[in-house]
């Protein structure tokens, strides 16, 4: 793919991007869902975006800020947490089109948080008993 370097961002020629999209092995599903995007690193950058399409391996986002190619990204989509790497980023309309290769997905995060709280709450009385026995 041809692109030009601009600081830490690689802006890809949209014509080259269209050619590479035709080589996908997984079908894309179209959507328009709001998400919270976090570019991970020494200083995390958070911004809003919208998922425009997705497959089992990747996401297409339209975001208000750019993300550097190769950056690790966390996407919070309802009660789903996705971790991936930025494949491309280019200006589109008033924002930026970002392509992500999804590495990990965690579903039902609200349910997992409730389960963790319950486990911790159950463990607390046992910890207090053990501390009292040690103090004797």
Protein backbone atom coordinates (compact mmCIF):
# COMPACT_ATOMS: atom_id res chain seq x y z
CA UNK A 1 0.00 0.00 0.00
CA UNK A 2 1.23 3.45 -0.82
CA UNK A 3 0.95 6.02 1.92
CA UNK A 4 2.64 9.11 3.16
CA UNK A 5 4.04 9.53 6.64
CA UNK A 6 2.73 12.48 8.64
CA UNK A 7 4.26 12.41 12.12
CA UNK A 8 3.28 9.09 13.69
CA UNK A 9 0.29 8.61 11.41
CA UNK A 10 0.32 6.84 8.07
CA UNK A 11 -2.38 8.18 5.78
CA UNK A 12 -3.28 5.58 3.21
CA UNK A 13 -4.36 6.25 -0.35
CA UNK A 14 -8.11 5.32 -0.34
CA UNK A 15 -7.79 3.67 -3.81
CA UNK A 16 -5.15 1.25 -2.46
CA UNK A 17 -7.32 0.62 0.57
CA UNK A 18 -10.30 -0.40 -1.57
CA UNK A 19 -8.14 -2.93 -3.44
CA UNK A 20 -6.91 -4.49 -0.19
CA UNK A 21 -10.46 -4.68 1.24
CA UNK A 22 -11.49 -6.91 -1.67
CA UNK A 23 -9.00 -9.55 -0.42
CA UNK A 24 -10.74 -10.06 2.96
CA UNK A 25 -11.43 -13.64 3.98
CA UNK A 26 -14.34 -12.78 6.33
CA UNK A 27 -17.59 -11.08 5.26
CA UNK A 28 -18.21 -7.62 6.71
CA UNK A 29 -21.48 -6.66 8.39
CA UNK A 30 -22.59 -3.04 8.14
CA UNK A 31 -23.67 -1.17 11.29
CA UNK A 32 -23.70 2.28 12.88
CA UNK A 33 -22.98 1.85 16.59
CA UNK A 34 -21.37 4.34 19.02
CA UNK A 35 -18.13 3.29 20.75
CA UNK A 36 -15.48 4.65 23.11
CA UNK A 37 -12.00 4.30 21.57
CA UNK A 38 -8.78 4.32 23.62
CA UNK A 39 -5.38 4.39 21.94
CA UNK A 40 -3.19 2.51 24.41
CA UNK A 41 0.36 3.50 25.28
CA UNK A 42 2.34 5.67 27.67
CA UNK A 43 -0.31 8.36 27.45
CA UNK A 44 -3.72 6.95 26.60
CA UNK A 45 -5.88 8.93 24.21
CA UNK A 46 -9.66 8.51 24.45
CA UNK A 47 -12.21 9.64 21.90
CA UNK A 48 -15.63 8.77 20.51
CA UNK A 49 -16.26 6.86 17.33
CA UNK A 50 -18.80 4.77 15.48
CA UNK A 51 -18.42 1.23 14.18
CA UNK A 52 -19.33 1.28 10.51
CA UNK A 53 -18.67 -2.40 9.77
CA UNK A 54 -17.27 -5.49 11.45
CA UNK A 55 -16.33 -9.12 10.96
CA UNK A 56 -14.94 -11.81 13.23
CA UNK A 57 -11.44 -10.44 12.59
CA UNK A 58 -11.77 -6.70 12.17
CA UNK A 59 -13.64 -3.43 12.58
CA UNK A 60 -14.17 -0.34 10.53
CA UNK A 61 -14.51 2.82 12.61
CA UNK A 62 -15.33 6.43 11.88
CA UNK A 63 -13.74 8.50 14.64
CA UNK A 64 -13.32 12.12 15.62
CA UNK A 65 -9.53 11.72 16.02
CA UNK A 66 -6.84 9.81 14.14
CA UNK A 67 -4.98 6.77 15.50
CA UNK A 68 -1.42 5.84 14.50
CA UNK A 69 -1.01 2.80 12.27
CA UNK A 70 0.20 -0.13 14.38
CA UNK A 71 -1.14 1.34 17.64
CA UNK A 72 -2.83 -0.91 20.19
CA UNK A 73 -6.46 0.15 20.64
CA UNK A 74 -9.24 -0.69 23.09
CA UNK A 75 -12.83 -0.33 21.84
CA UNK A 76 -15.74 -0.35 24.30
CA UNK A 77 -18.91 -1.35 22.47
CA UNK A 78 -21.87 -1.78 24.83
CA UNK A 79 -20.80 -4.52 27.24
CA UNK A 80 -18.16 -5.82 24.81
CA UNK A 81 -14.48 -4.96 25.07
CA UNK A 82 -12.32 -5.32 21.96
CA UNK A 83 -8.53 -5.08 21.73
CA UNK A 84 -6.83 -4.68 18.40
CA UNK A 85 -4.24 -3.02 16.25
CA UNK A 86 -4.75 -0.11 13.84
CA UNK A 87 -4.29 -1.32 10.24
CA UNK A 88 -5.02 1.99 8.57
CA UNK A 89 -6.19 5.51 9.30
CA UNK A 90 -7.12 8.14 6.75
CA UNK A 91 -9.16 11.36 6.77
CA UNK A 92 -12.81 10.86 5.85
CA UNK A 93 -15.35 13.67 5.89
CA UNK A 94 -15.12 15.50 9.23
CA UNK A 95 -13.30 12.60 10.93
CA UNK A 96 -11.04 9.64 10.30
CA UNK A 97 -11.70 6.16 8.93
CA UNK A 98 -9.81 3.63 11.06
CA UNK A 99 -9.41 -0.06 10.34
CA UNK A 100 -8.68 -2.43 13.23
CA UNK A 101 -7.41 -5.99 13.29
CA UNK A 102 -9.20 -7.44 16.35
CA UNK A 103 -6.84 -9.50 18.53
CA UNK A 104 -9.07 -10.17 21.59
CA UNK A 105 -12.74 -9.78 22.45
CA UNK A 106 -14.37 -9.94 25.88
CA UNK A 107 -18.15 -10.22 25.84
CA UNK A 108 -20.70 -9.60 28.62
CA UNK A 109 -18.34 -7.39 30.65
CA UNK A 110 -21.17 -6.15 32.90
CA UNK A 111 -22.04 -9.73 33.84
CA UNK A 112 -18.37 -10.52 34.48
CA UNK A 113 -18.05 -7.46 36.74
CA UNK A 114 -21.07 -8.60 38.81
CA UNK A 115 -19.56 -12.08 39.14
CA UNK A 116 -16.20 -10.65 40.24
CA UNK A 117 -17.90 -8.46 42.88
CA UNK A 118 -19.83 -11.47 44.19
CA UNK A 119 -16.67 -13.58 44.43
CA UNK A 120 -14.81 -10.79 46.21
CA UNK A 121 -17.72 -10.20 48.60
CA UNK A 122 -17.80 -13.92 49.45
CA UNK A 123 -14.03 -14.00 49.99
CA UNK A 124 -14.01 -10.97 52.34
CA UNK A 125 -15.64 -12.69 55.39
CA UNK A 126 -13.21 -15.61 55.06
CA UNK A 127 -10.26 -13.20 54.94
CA UNK A 128 -11.52 -11.40 58.07
CA UNK A 129 -11.82 -14.74 59.95
CA UNK A 130 -8.28 -15.70 58.97
CA UNK A 131 -6.93 -12.34 60.12
CA UNK A 132 -8.68 -12.71 63.51
CA UNK A 133 -7.25 -16.22 63.99
CA UNK A 134 -3.74 -14.97 63.18
CA UNK A 135 -4.11 -12.10 65.68
CA UNK A 136 -4.94 -14.55 68.54
